[in-house]
Amino acid sequence: MTGEAICALDDLDDPGARGFTLGSGKARRDIFLVRRDVAVFAYVNRCPHANQRLDARPGRFLTMDETQIICGGHAALFRIEDGFCTSGPCVGQHLEAIAVEVVDGVVRVAPDNR
């Protein structure tokens, strides 16, 4: 995969999360990356329950202990590794995953995920 470069792996805290905007206009898509060790997971920045941004407090995607993704709107909890909701009003639903990979220290999004 040789998709669009999003950021350097070293730009992400470990563990940590950071939001990004891909595209513009009608093609604009707000996403966020979560890093755990050398693994990077990416999701669309939308809660499946209320169709709102997860980071009600800008840039805050993780619980205080940084072990789960949290929706700032209603505190739903999601697993980092697959976006599965384990607690809250959308239990059993998933965040929309974005395919990414790390190549030579750069996080890239898959071309078909732009």
C-alpha atoms as a PDB file:
ATOM      1  CA  MET A   1       0.000   0.000   0.000  1.00  0.00           C
ATOM      2  CA  THR A   2       1.411   3.388  -0.905  1.00  0.00           C
ATOM      3  CA  GLY A   3      -1.285   5.680   0.385  1.00  0.00           C
ATOM      4  CA  GLU A   4      -1.299   9.247   1.606  1.00  0.00           C
ATOM      5  CA  ALA A   5       1.163  10.075   4.378  1.00  0.00           C
ATOM      6  CA  ILE A   6      -0.595  11.267   7.541  1.00  0.00           C
ATOM      7  CA  CYS A   7       2.254  11.766  10.015  1.00  0.00           C
ATOM      8  CA  ALA A   8       5.462  10.294  11.320  1.00  0.00           C
ATOM      9  CA  LEU A   9       5.043   7.449  13.800  1.00  0.00           C
ATOM     10  CA  ASP A  10       7.144   9.465  16.246  1.00  0.00           C
ATOM     11  CA  ASP A  11       4.534  12.267  16.107  1.00  0.00           C
ATOM     12  CA  LEU A  12       2.143   9.967  18.023  1.00  0.00           C
ATOM     13  CA  ASP A  13       2.538   9.444  21.757  1.00  0.00           C
ATOM     14  CA  ASP A  14       2.863   5.818  22.874  1.00  0.00           C
ATOM     15  CA  PRO A  15       0.207   5.165  23.949  1.00  0.00           C
ATOM     16  CA  GLY A  16      -1.684   8.083  22.506  1.00  0.00           C
ATOM     17  CA  ALA A  17      -4.190   9.353  19.978  1.00  0.00           C
ATOM     18  CA  ARG A  18      -4.407  12.294  17.611  1.00  0.00           C
ATOM     19  CA  GLY A  19      -7.039  13.608  15.196  1.00  0.00           C
ATOM     20  CA  PHE A  20      -6.506  14.469  11.523  1.00  0.00           C
ATOM     21  CA  THR A  21      -8.567  15.754   8.605  1.00  0.00           C
ATOM     22  CA  LEU A  22      -8.272  14.040   5.228  1.00  0.00           C
ATOM     23  CA  GLY A  23      -9.448  15.742   2.049  1.00  0.00           C
ATOM     24  CA  SER A  24     -11.585  18.862   1.799  1.00  0.00           C
ATOM     25  CA  GLY A  25     -15.085  19.932   0.834  1.00  0.00           C
ATOM     26  CA  LYS A  26     -17.465  17.012   0.331  1.00  0.00           C
ATOM     27  CA  ALA A  27     -14.509  14.613   0.453  1.00  0.00           C
ATOM     28  CA  ARG A  28     -13.450  15.856   3.913  1.00  0.00           C
ATOM     29  CA  ARG A  29     -13.137  13.131   6.510  1.00  0.00           C
ATOM     30  CA  ASP A  30     -12.175  13.548  10.158  1.00  0.00           C
ATOM     31  CA  ILE A  31     -10.221  10.583  11.494  1.00  0.00           C
ATOM     32  CA  PHE A  32      -8.029   9.770  14.463  1.00  0.00           C
ATOM     33  CA  LEU A  33      -5.034   7.530  14.981  1.00  0.00           C
ATOM     34  CA  VAL A  34      -4.284   5.541  18.107  1.00  0.00           C
ATOM     35  CA  ARG A  35      -0.791   4.253  18.777  1.00  0.00           C
ATOM     36  CA  ARG A  36       0.031   1.338  21.051  1.00  0.00           C
ATOM     37  CA  ASP A  37       3.703   0.326  20.851  1.00  0.00           C
ATOM     38  CA  VAL A  38       4.455   0.053  17.118  1.00  0.00           C
ATOM     39  CA  ALA A  39       0.822  -0.687  16.167  1.00  0.00           C
ATOM     40  CA  VAL A  40      -1.345   2.126  14.790  1.00  0.00           C
ATOM     41  CA  PHE A  41      -5.133   1.934  14.516  1.00  0.00           C
ATOM     42  CA  ALA A  42      -7.276   4.460  12.641  1.00  0.00           C
ATOM     43  CA  TYR A  43     -10.974   5.259  12.838  1.00  0.00           C
ATOM     44  CA  VAL A  44     -13.447   7.798  11.508  1.00  0.00           C
ATOM     45  CA  ASN A  45     -14.053  10.388  14.218  1.00  0.00           C
ATOM     46  CA  ARG A  46     -17.768   9.581  14.627  1.00  0.00           C
ATOM     47  CA  CYS A  47     -19.613   7.764  17.383  1.00  0.00           C
ATOM     48  CA  PRO A  48     -21.975   5.089  15.988  1.00  0.00           C
ATOM     49  CA  HIS A  49     -24.605   6.005  18.586  1.00  0.00           C
ATOM     50  CA  ALA A  50     -25.114   9.727  18.094  1.00  0.00           C
ATOM     51  CA  ASN A  51     -23.152  10.387  14.877  1.00  0.00           C
ATOM     52  CA  GLN A  52     -21.113  13.005  16.724  1.00  0.00           C
ATOM     53  CA  ARG A  53     -17.369  13.535  17.049  1.00  0.00           C
ATOM     54  CA  LEU A  54     -15.758  11.354  19.689  1.00  0.00           C
ATOM     55  CA  ASP A  55     -13.491  14.139  20.919  1.00  0.00           C
ATOM     56  CA  ALA A  56     -15.993  16.477  22.557  1.00  0.00           C
ATOM     57  CA  ARG A  57     -12.838  17.879  24.162  1.00  0.00           C
ATOM     58  CA  PRO A  58     -10.621  18.430  21.085  1.00  0.00           C
ATOM     59  CA  GLY A  59      -7.851  15.866  20.804  1.00  0.00           C
ATOM     60  CA  ARG A  60      -9.091  13.689  23.671  1.00  0.00           C
ATOM     61  CA  PHE A  61      -9.873  10.196  22.387  1.00  0.00           C
ATOM     62  CA  LEU A  62      -8.619   7.902  25.146  1.00  0.00           C
ATOM     63  CA  THR A  63      -9.657   7.119  28.703  1.00  0.00           C
ATOM     64  CA  MET A  64      -7.485   8.536  31.489  1.00  0.00           C
ATOM     65  CA  ASP A  65      -5.538   5.257  31.727  1.00  0.00           C
ATOM     66  CA  GLU A  66      -5.158   5.228  27.896  1.00  0.00           C
ATOM     67  CA  THR A  67      -6.469   1.659  27.574  1.00  0.00           C
ATOM     68  CA  GLN A  68      -9.714   2.398  25.675  1.00  0.00           C
ATOM     69  CA  ILE A  69     -11.224   4.891  23.256  1.00  0.00           C
ATOM     70  CA  ILE A  70     -13.940   7.039  24.851  1.00  0.00           C
ATOM     71  CA  CYS A  71     -16.754   9.085  23.344  1.00  0.00           C
ATOM     72  CA  GLY A  72     -16.674  12.488  25.017  1.00  0.00           C
ATOM     73  CA  GLY A  73     -20.388  12.962  24.367  1.00  0.00           C
ATOM     74  CA  HIS A  74     -21.796  10.044  26.351  1.00  0.00           C
ATOM     75  CA  ALA A  75     -18.792   8.059  27.631  1.00  0.00           C
ATOM     76  CA  ALA A  76     -19.194   4.982  25.439  1.00  0.00           C
ATOM     77  CA  LEU A  77     -16.029   2.858  25.564  1.00  0.00           C
ATOM     78  CA  PHE A  78     -14.400   1.159  22.569  1.00  0.00           C
ATOM     79  CA  ARG A  79     -11.525  -1.303  22.287  1.00  0.00           C
ATOM     80  CA  ILE A  80      -8.465   0.238  20.667  1.00  0.00           C
ATOM     81  CA  GLU A  81      -7.580  -2.789  18.543  1.00  0.00           C
ATOM     82  CA  ASP A  82     -10.917  -3.143  16.699  1.00  0.00           C
ATOM     83  CA  GLY A  83     -13.192  -0.222  17.664  1.00  0.00           C
ATOM     84  CA  PHE A  84     -15.776  -2.531  19.266  1.00  0.00           C
ATOM     85  CA  CYS A  85     -18.043  -0.764  21.785  1.00  0.00           C
ATOM     86  CA  THR A  86     -17.943  -2.494  25.180  1.00  0.00           C
ATOM     87  CA  SER A  87     -19.919   0.013  27.273  1.00  0.00           C
ATOM     88  CA  GLY A  88     -22.513   2.725  26.716  1.00  0.00           C
ATOM     89  CA  PRO A  89     -25.532   3.215  24.450  1.00  0.00           C
ATOM     90  CA  CYS A  90     -23.883   1.656  21.390  1.00  0.00           C
ATOM     91  CA  VAL A  91     -22.696  -1.645  22.945  1.00  0.00           C
ATOM     92  CA  GLY A  92     -21.970  -4.186  20.232  1.00  0.00           C
ATOM     93  CA  GLN A  93     -21.417  -1.609  17.481  1.00  0.00           C
ATOM     94  CA  HIS A  94     -18.057  -0.642  15.955  1.00  0.00           C
ATOM     95  CA  LEU A  95     -16.240   2.512  15.045  1.00  0.00           C
ATOM     96  CA  GLU A  96     -15.585   2.776  11.304  1.00  0.00           C
ATOM     97  CA  ALA A  97     -12.019   1.534  10.800  1.00  0.00           C
ATOM     98  CA  ILE A  98      -9.571   3.081   8.328  1.00  0.00           C
ATOM     99  CA  ALA A  99      -6.782   0.931   6.881  1.00  0.00           C
ATOM    100  CA  VAL A 100      -3.345   2.341   7.721  1.00  0.00           C
ATOM    101  CA  GLU A 101       0.183   1.063   7.745  1.00  0.00           C
ATOM    102  CA  VAL A 102       3.559   2.295   8.930  1.00  0.00           C
ATOM    103  CA  VAL A 103       6.225   2.420   6.205  1.00  0.00           C
ATOM    104  CA  ASP A 104       9.712   3.681   7.020  1.00  0.00           C
ATOM    105  CA  GLY A 105       8.419   5.423  10.138  1.00  0.00           C
ATOM    106  CA  VAL A 106       5.534   7.165   8.339  1.00  0.00           C
ATOM    107  CA  VAL A 107       1.842   6.387   8.957  1.00  0.00           C
ATOM    108  CA  ARG A 108      -0.025   6.094   5.643  1.00  0.00           C
ATOM    109  CA  VAL A 109      -3.741   5.691   4.943  1.00  0.00           C
ATOM    110  CA  ALA A 110      -4.836   3.190   2.301  1.00  0.00           C
ATOM    111  CA  PRO A 111      -5.674   4.809  -1.061  1.00  0.00           C
ATOM    112  CA  ASP A 112      -9.239   3.404  -1.017  1.00  0.00           C
ATOM    113  CA  ASN A 113      -9.864   4.935   2.435  1.00  0.00           C
ATOM    114  CA  ARG A 114      -9.450   8.599   1.449  1.00  0.00           C
END
